[in-house]
């Protein structure tokens, strides 16, 4: 990932055209995206099924961007090594789905990927109190996970602010990533609250000009 200062934009391939996924991935990379976000759903932890290991491996072959794999699955400890082997640079797991979060974080790191923890809208940031030092990033969901195209929940903004305060107070470099309803109209509030990485699906892939979409989200976040 580039060391460019400012807001990082992470298009989510959940909203891409899967009949030409390689082209879509290359297009957002050329459009200036910083990270490629990949949502994996198991139909149990969230009420939807999505992509898995073969698509992560294909995405890895198609791009030099950081591949950020968001595991919306139960029993993540059984799979994190395989997702790292498939090409995931970052791997995040849900606090709510892990019986032993500290152990899964250690597994991700041992597999060579950078670990993240995910908080659903109702889950407080205090659940990360004893693992925050071990995390490369925290992904805060600003919609209830499972489906793309949902409306942003502004109730998460105070949680982003509180988490940022904790990170700064402890002298950490942990990134805050936010996913759900992100676009030019919400990016500014999210970044002002403390976000570093913005995940956007339809706000990028649902537009005719990916470069303009990525630039628009980044500019809105920087405003």
C-alpha atoms as a PDB file:
ATOM      1  CA  UNK A   1       0.000   0.000   0.000  1.00  0.00           C
ATOM      2  CA  UNK A   2       1.202   3.476  -0.785  1.00  0.00           C
ATOM      3  CA  UNK A   3       2.401   5.767   1.972  1.00  0.00           C
ATOM      4  CA  UNK A   4       0.353   8.638   0.554  1.00  0.00           C
ATOM      5  CA  UNK A   5      -1.058  10.789   3.323  1.00  0.00           C
ATOM      6  CA  UNK A   6      -4.787  11.293   3.583  1.00  0.00           C
ATOM      7  CA  UNK A   7      -7.868   9.177   3.152  1.00  0.00           C
ATOM      8  CA  UNK A   8      -7.485   5.684   1.732  1.00  0.00           C
ATOM      9  CA  UNK A   9     -10.290   4.365  -0.473  1.00  0.00           C
ATOM     10  CA  UNK A  10     -11.048   0.639  -0.574  1.00  0.00           C
ATOM     11  CA  UNK A  11     -13.538  -0.397  -3.276  1.00  0.00           C
ATOM     12  CA  UNK A  12     -15.517  -3.485  -2.303  1.00  0.00           C
ATOM     13  CA  UNK A  13     -15.754  -6.069  -5.063  1.00  0.00           C
ATOM     14  CA  UNK A  14     -19.097  -7.228  -3.653  1.00  0.00           C
ATOM     15  CA  UNK A  15     -20.557  -4.532  -5.918  1.00  0.00           C
ATOM     16  CA  UNK A  16     -18.416  -5.367  -8.964  1.00  0.00           C
ATOM     17  CA  UNK A  17     -19.524  -7.093 -12.154  1.00  0.00           C
ATOM     18  CA  UNK A  18     -18.378 -10.671 -11.538  1.00  0.00           C
ATOM     19  CA  UNK A  19     -18.663 -11.594 -15.210  1.00  0.00           C
ATOM     20  CA  UNK A  20     -15.532  -9.491 -15.732  1.00  0.00           C
ATOM     21  CA  UNK A  21     -14.026  -9.341 -12.265  1.00  0.00           C
ATOM     22  CA  UNK A  22     -10.400  -9.102 -13.360  1.00  0.00           C
ATOM     23  CA  UNK A  23     -11.176  -6.073 -15.519  1.00  0.00           C
ATOM     24  CA  UNK A  24     -13.139  -4.469 -12.687  1.00  0.00           C
ATOM     25  CA  UNK A  25     -10.262  -4.933 -10.236  1.00  0.00           C
ATOM     26  CA  UNK A  26      -7.715  -3.529 -12.653  1.00  0.00           C
ATOM     27  CA  UNK A  27     -10.034  -0.604 -13.380  1.00  0.00           C
ATOM     28  CA  UNK A  28     -10.307   0.489  -9.735  1.00  0.00           C
ATOM     29  CA  UNK A  29      -6.553   0.094  -9.305  1.00  0.00           C
ATOM     30  CA  UNK A  30      -5.994   2.370 -12.301  1.00  0.00           C
ATOM     31  CA  UNK A  31      -8.629   4.726 -10.860  1.00  0.00           C
ATOM     32  CA  UNK A  32      -6.441   5.346  -7.820  1.00  0.00           C
ATOM     33  CA  UNK A  33      -7.840   2.965  -5.215  1.00  0.00           C
ATOM     34  CA  UNK A  34      -5.524   2.161  -2.300  1.00  0.00           C
ATOM     35  CA  UNK A  35      -6.954  -1.139  -1.065  1.00  0.00           C
ATOM     36  CA  UNK A  36      -9.170  -3.856  -2.549  1.00  0.00           C
ATOM     37  CA  UNK A  37     -11.879  -4.973  -0.115  1.00  0.00           C
ATOM     38  CA  UNK A  38     -13.197  -8.544  -0.337  1.00  0.00           C
ATOM     39  CA  UNK A  39     -16.284  -9.630   1.629  1.00  0.00           C
ATOM     40  CA  UNK A  40     -16.573 -13.307   2.548  1.00  0.00           C
ATOM     41  CA  UNK A  41     -19.974 -14.407   3.948  1.00  0.00           C
ATOM     42  CA  UNK A  42     -20.990 -17.848   5.155  1.00  0.00           C
ATOM     43  CA  UNK A  43     -24.801 -17.650   5.328  1.00  0.00           C
ATOM     44  CA  UNK A  44     -24.646 -18.359   9.075  1.00  0.00           C
ATOM     45  CA  UNK A  45     -22.990 -15.425  10.800  1.00  0.00           C
ATOM     46  CA  UNK A  46     -24.663 -13.125   8.273  1.00  0.00           C
ATOM     47  CA  UNK A  47     -27.811 -13.871   6.243  1.00  0.00           C
ATOM     48  CA  UNK A  48     -26.067 -14.068   2.896  1.00  0.00           C
ATOM     49  CA  UNK A  49     -23.551 -16.157   0.971  1.00  0.00           C
ATOM     50  CA  UNK A  50     -20.769 -14.604  -1.057  1.00  0.00           C
ATOM     51  CA  UNK A  51     -17.338 -15.419  -2.379  1.00  0.00           C
ATOM     52  CA  UNK A  52     -14.538 -17.540  -0.948  1.00  0.00           C
ATOM     53  CA  UNK A  53     -10.976 -18.690  -1.408  1.00  0.00           C
ATOM     54  CA  UNK A  54     -10.919 -19.019  -5.234  1.00  0.00           C
ATOM     55  CA  UNK A  55     -12.064 -15.428  -5.707  1.00  0.00           C
ATOM     56  CA  UNK A  56      -9.495 -14.111  -3.221  1.00  0.00           C
ATOM     57  CA  UNK A  57      -6.793 -16.005  -5.110  1.00  0.00           C
ATOM     58  CA  UNK A  58      -8.067 -14.600  -8.416  1.00  0.00           C
ATOM     59  CA  UNK A  59      -8.132 -11.070  -7.004  1.00  0.00           C
ATOM     60  CA  UNK A  60      -4.550 -11.491  -5.819  1.00  0.00           C
ATOM     61  CA  UNK A  61      -3.451 -12.400  -9.339  1.00  0.00           C
ATOM     62  CA  UNK A  62      -5.299  -9.412 -10.808  1.00  0.00           C
ATOM     63  CA  UNK A  63      -3.871  -6.622  -8.662  1.00  0.00           C
ATOM     64  CA  UNK A  64      -0.892  -5.263  -6.788  1.00  0.00           C
ATOM     65  CA  UNK A  65      -3.190  -3.481  -4.327  1.00  0.00           C
ATOM     66  CA  UNK A  66      -3.484  -4.576  -0.718  1.00  0.00           C
ATOM     67  CA  UNK A  67      -6.124  -7.338  -0.614  1.00  0.00           C
ATOM     68  CA  UNK A  68      -8.250  -6.720   2.474  1.00  0.00           C
ATOM     69  CA  UNK A  69     -10.349  -9.799   3.284  1.00  0.00           C
ATOM     70  CA  UNK A  70     -13.309  -9.290   5.608  1.00  0.00           C
ATOM     71  CA  UNK A  71     -14.411 -12.643   7.026  1.00  0.00           C
ATOM     72  CA  UNK A  72     -18.090 -12.498   7.970  1.00  0.00           C
ATOM     73  CA  UNK A  73     -17.978 -16.117   9.059  1.00  0.00           C
ATOM     74  CA  UNK A  74     -18.135 -18.316  12.110  1.00  0.00           C
ATOM     75  CA  UNK A  75     -15.138 -20.461  13.065  1.00  0.00           C
ATOM     76  CA  UNK A  76     -12.724 -18.090  11.381  1.00  0.00           C
ATOM     77  CA  UNK A  77      -9.843 -19.840  13.145  1.00  0.00           C
ATOM     78  CA  UNK A  78     -10.296 -22.766  10.736  1.00  0.00           C
ATOM     79  CA  UNK A  79      -9.764 -20.626   7.658  1.00  0.00           C
ATOM     80  CA  UNK A  80      -7.467 -17.661   8.294  1.00  0.00           C
ATOM     81  CA  UNK A  81      -4.307 -19.512   7.217  1.00  0.00           C
ATOM     82  CA  UNK A  82      -5.952 -20.513   3.947  1.00  0.00           C
ATOM     83  CA  UNK A  83      -7.061 -16.971   3.211  1.00  0.00           C
ATOM     84  CA  UNK A  84      -3.538 -15.741   3.879  1.00  0.00           C
ATOM     85  CA  UNK A  85      -2.160 -18.393   1.534  1.00  0.00           C
ATOM     86  CA  UNK A  86      -4.695 -17.332  -1.115  1.00  0.00           C
ATOM     87  CA  UNK A  87      -3.214 -13.842  -1.106  1.00  0.00           C
ATOM     88  CA  UNK A  88      -4.924 -11.784   1.586  1.00  0.00           C
ATOM     89  CA  UNK A  89      -2.657  -9.049   2.935  1.00  0.00           C
ATOM     90  CA  UNK A  90      -5.111  -7.957   5.614  1.00  0.00           C
ATOM     91  CA  UNK A  91      -7.628 -10.276   7.273  1.00  0.00           C
ATOM     92  CA  UNK A  92     -10.361  -9.103   9.625  1.00  0.00           C
ATOM     93  CA  UNK A  93     -12.645 -11.213  11.809  1.00  0.00           C
ATOM     94  CA  UNK A  94     -15.743 -10.275  13.765  1.00  0.00           C
ATOM     95  CA  UNK A  95     -15.502  -9.855  17.509  1.00  0.00           C
ATOM     96  CA  UNK A  96     -19.006 -11.301  17.730  1.00  0.00           C
ATOM     97  CA  UNK A  97     -18.075 -14.487  15.847  1.00  0.00           C
ATOM     98  CA  UNK A  98     -14.837 -15.398  17.641  1.00  0.00           C
ATOM     99  CA  UNK A  99     -14.787 -17.343  20.908  1.00  0.00           C
ATOM    100  CA  UNK A 100     -11.056 -16.682  21.274  1.00  0.00           C
ATOM    101  CA  UNK A 101     -10.326 -13.424  19.479  1.00  0.00           C
ATOM    102  CA  UNK A 102      -6.757 -13.079  20.759  1.00  0.00           C
ATOM    103  CA  UNK A 103      -5.864 -16.507  19.398  1.00  0.00           C
ATOM    104  CA  UNK A 104      -7.343 -15.765  15.953  1.00  0.00           C
ATOM    105  CA  UNK A 105      -5.439 -12.466  15.782  1.00  0.00           C
ATOM    106  CA  UNK A 106      -2.226 -14.362  16.551  1.00  0.00           C
ATOM    107  CA  UNK A 107      -3.075 -16.928  13.849  1.00  0.00           C
ATOM    108  CA  UNK A 108      -3.531 -14.187  11.250  1.00  0.00           C
ATOM    109  CA  UNK A 109      -0.208 -12.610  12.134  1.00  0.00           C
ATOM    110  CA  UNK A 110       1.585 -15.980  12.140  1.00  0.00           C
ATOM    111  CA  UNK A 111       0.160 -16.671   8.667  1.00  0.00           C
ATOM    112  CA  UNK A 112       1.845 -13.529   7.364  1.00  0.00           C
ATOM    113  CA  UNK A 113      -1.173 -11.246   7.118  1.00  0.00           C
ATOM    114  CA  UNK A 114      -2.054  -8.112   9.079  1.00  0.00           C
ATOM    115  CA  UNK A 115      -4.884  -8.679  11.566  1.00  0.00           C
ATOM    116  CA  UNK A 116      -8.063  -6.687  11.944  1.00  0.00           C
ATOM    117  CA  UNK A 117     -11.104  -6.942  14.182  1.00  0.00           C
ATOM    118  CA  UNK A 118     -14.614  -5.998  13.090  1.00  0.00           C
ATOM    119  CA  UNK A 119     -17.322  -4.352  15.168  1.00  0.00           C
ATOM    120  CA  UNK A 120     -20.982  -4.559  14.167  1.00  0.00           C
ATOM    121  CA  UNK A 121     -23.060  -1.393  14.690  1.00  0.00           C
ATOM    122  CA  UNK A 122     -24.290  -2.505  18.115  1.00  0.00           C
ATOM    123  CA  UNK A 123     -20.905  -3.727  19.409  1.00  0.00           C
ATOM    124  CA  UNK A 124     -18.954  -1.277  21.604  1.00  0.00           C
ATOM    125  CA  UNK A 125     -15.327  -0.415  21.006  1.00  0.00           C
ATOM    126  CA  UNK A 126     -14.549  -1.498  24.575  1.00  0.00           C
ATOM    127  CA  UNK A 127     -14.626  -5.127  23.418  1.00  0.00           C
ATOM    128  CA  UNK A 128     -11.187  -4.471  21.901  1.00  0.00           C
ATOM    129  CA  UNK A 129      -9.599  -3.158  25.098  1.00  0.00           C
ATOM    130  CA  UNK A 130      -7.220  -6.109  25.551  1.00  0.00           C
ATOM    131  CA  UNK A 131      -6.338  -6.741  21.897  1.00  0.00           C
ATOM    132  CA  UNK A 132      -6.086  -3.239  20.431  1.00  0.00           C
ATOM    133  CA  UNK A 133      -2.296  -3.251  20.649  1.00  0.00           C
ATOM    134  CA  UNK A 134      -2.200  -6.394  18.464  1.00  0.00           C
ATOM    135  CA  UNK A 135      -4.353  -5.045  15.634  1.00  0.00           C
ATOM    136  CA  UNK A 136      -3.238  -3.445  12.382  1.00  0.00           C
ATOM    137  CA  UNK A 137      -6.757  -2.102  11.886  1.00  0.00           C
ATOM    138  CA  UNK A 138     -10.280  -2.040  13.248  1.00  0.00           C
ATOM    139  CA  UNK A 139     -13.175  -2.282  10.816  1.00  0.00           C
ATOM    140  CA  UNK A 140     -16.306  -0.543  12.066  1.00  0.00           C
ATOM    141  CA  UNK A 141     -19.494  -1.550  10.299  1.00  0.00           C
ATOM    142  CA  UNK A 142     -21.754   1.402   9.593  1.00  0.00           C
ATOM    143  CA  UNK A 143     -24.524  -0.930   8.384  1.00  0.00           C
ATOM    144  CA  UNK A 144     -25.627  -4.313   9.644  1.00  0.00           C
ATOM    145  CA  UNK A 145     -23.446  -6.741   7.678  1.00  0.00           C
ATOM    146  CA  UNK A 146     -24.650  -9.117   5.012  1.00  0.00           C
ATOM    147  CA  UNK A 147     -25.827  -7.025   2.078  1.00  0.00           C
ATOM    148  CA  UNK A 148     -24.467  -4.178  -0.003  1.00  0.00           C
ATOM    149  CA  UNK A 149     -26.284  -0.969  -0.820  1.00  0.00           C
ATOM    150  CA  UNK A 150     -27.554  -0.215   2.690  1.00  0.00           C
ATOM    151  CA  UNK A 151     -27.968   3.226   4.229  1.00  0.00           C
ATOM    152  CA  UNK A 152     -25.252   4.581   6.510  1.00  0.00           C
ATOM    153  CA  UNK A 153     -26.031   4.455  10.256  1.00  0.00           C
ATOM    154  CA  UNK A 154     -24.887   7.765  11.794  1.00  0.00           C
ATOM    155  CA  UNK A 155     -25.120   6.228  15.271  1.00  0.00           C
ATOM    156  CA  UNK A 156     -21.650   4.702  14.698  1.00  0.00           C
ATOM    157  CA  UNK A 157     -19.930   8.099  14.519  1.00  0.00           C
ATOM    158  CA  UNK A 158     -19.453   8.473  18.298  1.00  0.00           C
ATOM    159  CA  UNK A 159     -17.983   4.965  18.389  1.00  0.00           C
ATOM    160  CA  UNK A 160     -15.413   5.918  15.745  1.00  0.00           C
ATOM    161  CA  UNK A 161     -14.525   8.993  17.791  1.00  0.00           C
ATOM    162  CA  UNK A 162     -14.108   7.011  21.012  1.00  0.00           C
ATOM    163  CA  UNK A 163     -11.982   4.377  19.305  1.00  0.00           C
ATOM    164  CA  UNK A 164      -9.758   7.053  17.766  1.00  0.00           C
ATOM    165  CA  UNK A 165      -9.281   8.600  21.200  1.00  0.00           C
ATOM    166  CA  UNK A 166      -8.171   5.231  22.578  1.00  0.00           C
ATOM    167  CA  UNK A 167      -5.717   4.674  19.723  1.00  0.00           C
ATOM    168  CA  UNK A 168      -4.161   8.118  20.114  1.00  0.00           C
ATOM    169  CA  UNK A 169      -4.017   7.901  23.909  1.00  0.00           C
ATOM    170  CA  UNK A 170      -2.111   4.635  23.678  1.00  0.00           C
ATOM    171  CA  UNK A 171       0.284   5.894  21.017  1.00  0.00           C
ATOM    172  CA  UNK A 172      -0.790   3.254  18.489  1.00  0.00           C
ATOM    173  CA  UNK A 173      -0.812   3.370  14.697  1.00  0.00           C
ATOM    174  CA  UNK A 174      -3.910   1.187  14.371  1.00  0.00           C
ATOM    175  CA  UNK A 175      -6.015   2.165  11.366  1.00  0.00           C
ATOM    176  CA  UNK A 176      -9.775   2.667  11.520  1.00  0.00           C
ATOM    177  CA  UNK A 177     -11.648   1.353   8.506  1.00  0.00           C
ATOM    178  CA  UNK A 178     -15.368   2.020   8.009  1.00  0.00           C
ATOM    179  CA  UNK A 179     -17.704  -0.004   5.801  1.00  0.00           C
ATOM    180  CA  UNK A 180     -21.347   0.582   4.923  1.00  0.00           C
ATOM    181  CA  UNK A 181     -23.164   3.347   3.114  1.00  0.00           C
ATOM    182  CA  UNK A 182     -19.909   5.164   2.320  1.00  0.00           C
ATOM    183  CA  UNK A 183     -19.924   7.719  -0.482  1.00  0.00           C
ATOM    184  CA  UNK A 184     -19.194  11.410  -1.026  1.00  0.00           C
ATOM    185  CA  UNK A 185     -22.136  12.376   1.168  1.00  0.00           C
ATOM    186  CA  UNK A 186     -20.920  10.412   4.218  1.00  0.00           C
ATOM    187  CA  UNK A 187     -17.130  10.321   3.811  1.00  0.00           C
ATOM    188  CA  UNK A 188     -16.532  13.702   5.427  1.00  0.00           C
ATOM    189  CA  UNK A 189     -18.360  12.842   8.646  1.00  0.00           C
ATOM    190  CA  UNK A 190     -16.641   9.481   8.916  1.00  0.00           C
ATOM    191  CA  UNK A 191     -13.139  10.868   8.412  1.00  0.00           C
ATOM    192  CA  UNK A 192     -13.843  13.764  10.789  1.00  0.00           C
ATOM    193  CA  UNK A 193     -14.755  11.159  13.415  1.00  0.00           C
ATOM    194  CA  UNK A 194     -11.388   9.433  12.944  1.00  0.00           C
ATOM    195  CA  UNK A 195     -11.558   6.998  10.022  1.00  0.00           C
ATOM    196  CA  UNK A 196      -8.497   6.317   7.863  1.00  0.00           C
ATOM    197  CA  UNK A 197      -9.807   3.798   5.311  1.00  0.00           C
ATOM    198  CA  UNK A 198     -13.199   4.038   3.580  1.00  0.00           C
ATOM    199  CA  UNK A 199     -14.801   0.957   2.051  1.00  0.00           C
ATOM    200  CA  UNK A 200     -17.122   1.795  -0.835  1.00  0.00           C
ATOM    201  CA  UNK A 201     -19.050  -0.642  -2.999  1.00  0.00           C
ATOM    202  CA  UNK A 202     -21.830   0.758  -5.161  1.00  0.00           C
ATOM    203  CA  UNK A 203     -20.454   4.296  -4.678  1.00  0.00           C
ATOM    204  CA  UNK A 204     -17.572   3.183  -6.908  1.00  0.00           C
ATOM    205  CA  UNK A 205     -18.701   0.191  -8.955  1.00  0.00           C
ATOM    206  CA  UNK A 206     -22.178   1.626  -9.455  1.00  0.00           C
ATOM    207  CA  UNK A 207     -20.839   4.690 -11.253  1.00  0.00           C
ATOM    208  CA  UNK A 208     -19.738   5.143 -14.880  1.00  0.00           C
ATOM    209  CA  UNK A 209     -16.401   6.742 -13.930  1.00  0.00           C
ATOM    210  CA  UNK A 210     -14.401   4.876 -11.286  1.00  0.00           C
ATOM    211  CA  UNK A 211     -11.607   7.431 -11.230  1.00  0.00           C
ATOM    212  CA  UNK A 212     -14.043  10.250 -10.515  1.00  0.00           C
ATOM    213  CA  UNK A 213     -15.803   8.156  -7.884  1.00  0.00           C
ATOM    214  CA  UNK A 214     -12.597   7.298  -5.993  1.00  0.00           C
ATOM    215  CA  UNK A 215     -11.390  10.900  -6.211  1.00  0.00           C
ATOM    216  CA  UNK A 216     -14.773  12.201  -5.080  1.00  0.00           C
ATOM    217  CA  UNK A 217     -14.829   9.996  -1.976  1.00  0.00           C
ATOM    218  CA  UNK A 218     -11.251  10.911  -1.135  1.00  0.00           C
ATOM    219  CA  UNK A 219     -11.905  14.628  -1.604  1.00  0.00           C
ATOM    220  CA  UNK A 220     -15.081  14.497   0.473  1.00  0.00           C
ATOM    221  CA  UNK A 221     -13.181  12.783   3.247  1.00  0.00           C
ATOM    222  CA  UNK A 222     -10.446  15.385   3.158  1.00  0.00           C
ATOM    223  CA  UNK A 223     -12.824  18.352   3.148  1.00  0.00           C
END
